[in-house]
Amino acid sequence: MFDTKIAIVVRDDLATWQKLNVTAFLTSGIVGAHENLLGDDYEDAAGNIYNPLAIQPMIVLSTDAQRMQTIYNRAMDRGARLSLYIDDMFETGHDAANRAAVKNRLPEDMHIAGLALQEERKLVDKITKGAKLHS
């Protein structure tokens, strides 16, 4: 059992490819912000080596745009550090353009496609309350 919980929340009206893309980007943000999240390399019986994976389970949730904004506001009010993906980023082609897209938006003006956080378990549950397990 971990003291923290990782939750990824994606907006439910996105196309499947967008949900997968957002989840991948948000996961990289969580792993990049917490260097102790990666385990050791994997090795199969033939000796082939594979990249390490996260040591902690992640939950993927979905919700509508209105609740996404509520979850965002709860996280910000509680000082949670977020990984963020906004709709504008679907139109960009690289990291610098993604950062510029976010920089150009005020928080209340962002159309949030997804967010992710790793915080104390109970805090994550309070922040993400109302989102449903993605199916």
Protein backbone atom coordinates (compact mmCIF):
# COMPACT_ATOMS: atom_id res chain seq x y z
CA MET A 1 0.00 0.00 0.00
CA PHE A 2 1.31 3.42 -0.93
CA ASP A 3 0.82 6.60 1.11
CA THR A 4 0.14 8.50 -2.09
CA LYS A 5 -2.24 7.96 -4.95
CA ILE A 6 -1.81 8.79 -8.62
CA ALA A 7 -4.94 9.81 -10.49
CA ILE A 8 -5.24 10.72 -14.14
CA VAL A 9 -8.51 12.39 -15.11
CA VAL A 10 -9.53 12.72 -18.76
CA ARG A 11 -12.54 14.51 -20.18
CA ASP A 12 -15.19 12.05 -21.31
CA ASP A 13 -16.10 13.79 -24.59
CA LEU A 14 -12.67 13.32 -26.18
CA ALA A 15 -12.06 10.92 -29.05
CA THR A 16 -10.40 7.65 -28.06
CA TRP A 17 -7.06 8.65 -29.61
CA GLN A 18 -7.18 11.92 -27.67
CA LYS A 19 -7.88 10.15 -24.36
CA LEU A 20 -4.93 7.84 -24.94
CA ASN A 21 -2.68 10.71 -25.99
CA VAL A 22 -3.64 12.83 -22.97
CA THR A 23 -3.15 9.88 -20.60
CA ALA A 24 0.32 9.20 -22.00
CA PHE A 25 1.41 12.83 -21.73
CA LEU A 26 0.00 13.23 -18.21
CA THR A 27 1.69 10.01 -17.08
CA SER A 28 5.03 11.29 -18.34
CA GLY A 29 4.48 14.48 -16.32
CA ILE A 30 3.86 12.55 -13.10
CA VAL A 31 6.85 10.26 -13.64
CA GLY A 32 9.05 13.22 -14.59
CA ALA A 33 8.10 15.14 -11.46
CA HIS A 34 8.72 12.21 -9.12
CA GLU A 35 12.01 10.51 -9.94
CA ASN A 36 11.46 7.78 -7.34
CA LEU A 37 8.45 6.46 -9.28
CA LEU A 38 10.46 4.33 -11.69
CA GLY A 39 11.48 0.84 -10.71
CA ASP A 40 14.29 -1.25 -12.11
CA ASP A 41 14.70 -2.55 -15.64
CA TYR A 42 12.69 -5.64 -16.57
CA GLU A 43 14.41 -8.74 -17.91
CA ASP A 44 12.85 -11.76 -19.56
CA ALA A 45 14.08 -15.36 -19.33
CA ALA A 46 16.17 -14.91 -22.52
CA GLY A 47 18.06 -11.97 -21.00
CA ASN A 48 16.34 -9.22 -23.02
CA ILE A 49 16.19 -5.96 -21.09
CA TYR A 50 13.13 -3.69 -21.05
CA ASN A 51 12.59 -0.19 -19.70
CA PRO A 52 11.55 0.26 -16.08
CA LEU A 53 7.91 0.97 -15.31
CA ALA A 54 6.26 2.99 -12.59
CA ILE A 55 6.34 1.23 -9.22
CA GLN A 56 2.95 2.61 -8.16
CA PRO A 57 -0.45 1.86 -9.70
CA MET A 58 -2.27 4.71 -11.42
CA ILE A 59 -6.01 5.15 -11.61
CA VAL A 60 -7.55 6.60 -14.78
CA LEU A 61 -10.81 8.48 -14.27
CA SER A 62 -13.12 10.33 -16.63
CA THR A 63 -15.54 13.17 -16.21
CA ASP A 64 -17.35 15.90 -18.10
CA ALA A 65 -15.94 19.37 -18.78
CA GLN A 66 -17.78 21.03 -15.90
CA ARG A 67 -16.58 18.55 -13.28
CA MET A 68 -13.08 18.70 -14.78
CA GLN A 69 -13.03 22.42 -13.99
CA THR A 70 -14.27 21.65 -10.46
CA ILE A 71 -11.50 19.07 -10.00
CA TYR A 72 -8.96 21.56 -11.31
CA ASN A 73 -10.22 24.22 -8.89
CA ARG A 74 -10.12 21.81 -5.94
CA ALA A 75 -6.54 20.84 -6.80
CA MET A 76 -5.43 24.46 -7.11
CA ASP A 77 -7.18 25.46 -3.87
CA ARG A 78 -5.34 22.66 -2.04
CA GLY A 79 -1.96 23.41 -3.57
CA ALA A 80 -1.69 20.12 -5.45
CA ARG A 81 0.91 19.99 -8.20
CA LEU A 82 -0.69 19.00 -11.48
CA SER A 83 0.23 17.67 -14.85
CA LEU A 84 -2.07 19.49 -17.27
CA TYR A 85 -3.22 18.99 -20.86
CA ILE A 86 -5.51 21.53 -22.53
CA ASP A 87 -7.38 21.34 -25.84
CA ASP A 88 -5.03 23.86 -27.48
CA MET A 89 -2.21 21.31 -27.18
CA PHE A 90 -3.91 19.02 -29.71
CA GLU A 91 -2.99 21.64 -32.33
CA THR A 92 0.71 21.88 -31.46
CA GLY A 93 3.58 19.71 -32.55
CA HIS A 94 6.23 20.03 -29.85
CA ASP A 95 6.92 20.76 -26.20
CA ALA A 96 7.71 24.47 -26.52
CA ALA A 97 4.44 25.04 -28.39
CA ASN A 98 2.55 23.11 -25.69
CA ARG A 99 4.01 25.31 -22.95
CA ALA A 100 3.19 28.44 -24.98
CA ALA A 101 -0.41 27.24 -25.41
CA VAL A 102 -0.82 26.96 -21.64
CA LYS A 103 0.99 30.26 -21.02
CA ASN A 104 -1.50 32.04 -23.30
CA ARG A 105 -4.51 30.97 -21.22
CA LEU A 106 -5.85 32.16 -17.88
CA PRO A 107 -6.96 29.29 -15.62
CA GLU A 108 -10.65 30.08 -16.09
CA ASP A 109 -10.12 30.20 -19.87
CA MET A 110 -8.47 26.81 -20.33
CA HIS A 111 -10.42 23.95 -21.86
CA ILE A 112 -8.89 21.16 -19.80
CA ALA A 113 -8.63 17.84 -21.62
CA GLY A 114 -6.99 16.12 -18.68
CA LEU A 115 -4.97 16.45 -15.53
CA ALA A 116 -2.99 14.18 -13.26
CA LEU A 117 -1.71 14.36 -9.72
CA GLN A 118 0.15 12.36 -7.13
CA GLU A 119 -0.70 13.36 -3.59
CA GLU A 120 -1.71 11.81 -0.28
CA ARG A 121 -4.44 9.22 -0.92
CA LYS A 122 -7.29 10.96 0.91
CA LEU A 123 -6.46 14.29 -0.73
CA VAL A 124 -6.59 12.75 -4.21
CA ASP A 125 -9.95 11.20 -3.38
CA LYS A 126 -11.31 14.58 -2.21
CA ILE A 127 -9.98 16.40 -5.27
CA THR A 128 -11.26 13.86 -7.81
CA LYS A 129 -14.62 13.23 -6.11
CA GLY A 130 -17.34 12.77 -8.71
CA ALA A 131 -15.09 11.47 -11.47
CA LYS A 132 -15.73 7.88 -12.51
CA LEU A 133 -13.36 5.04 -13.24
CA HIS A 134 -12.62 5.20 -16.95
CA SER A 135 -14.12 2.27 -18.81
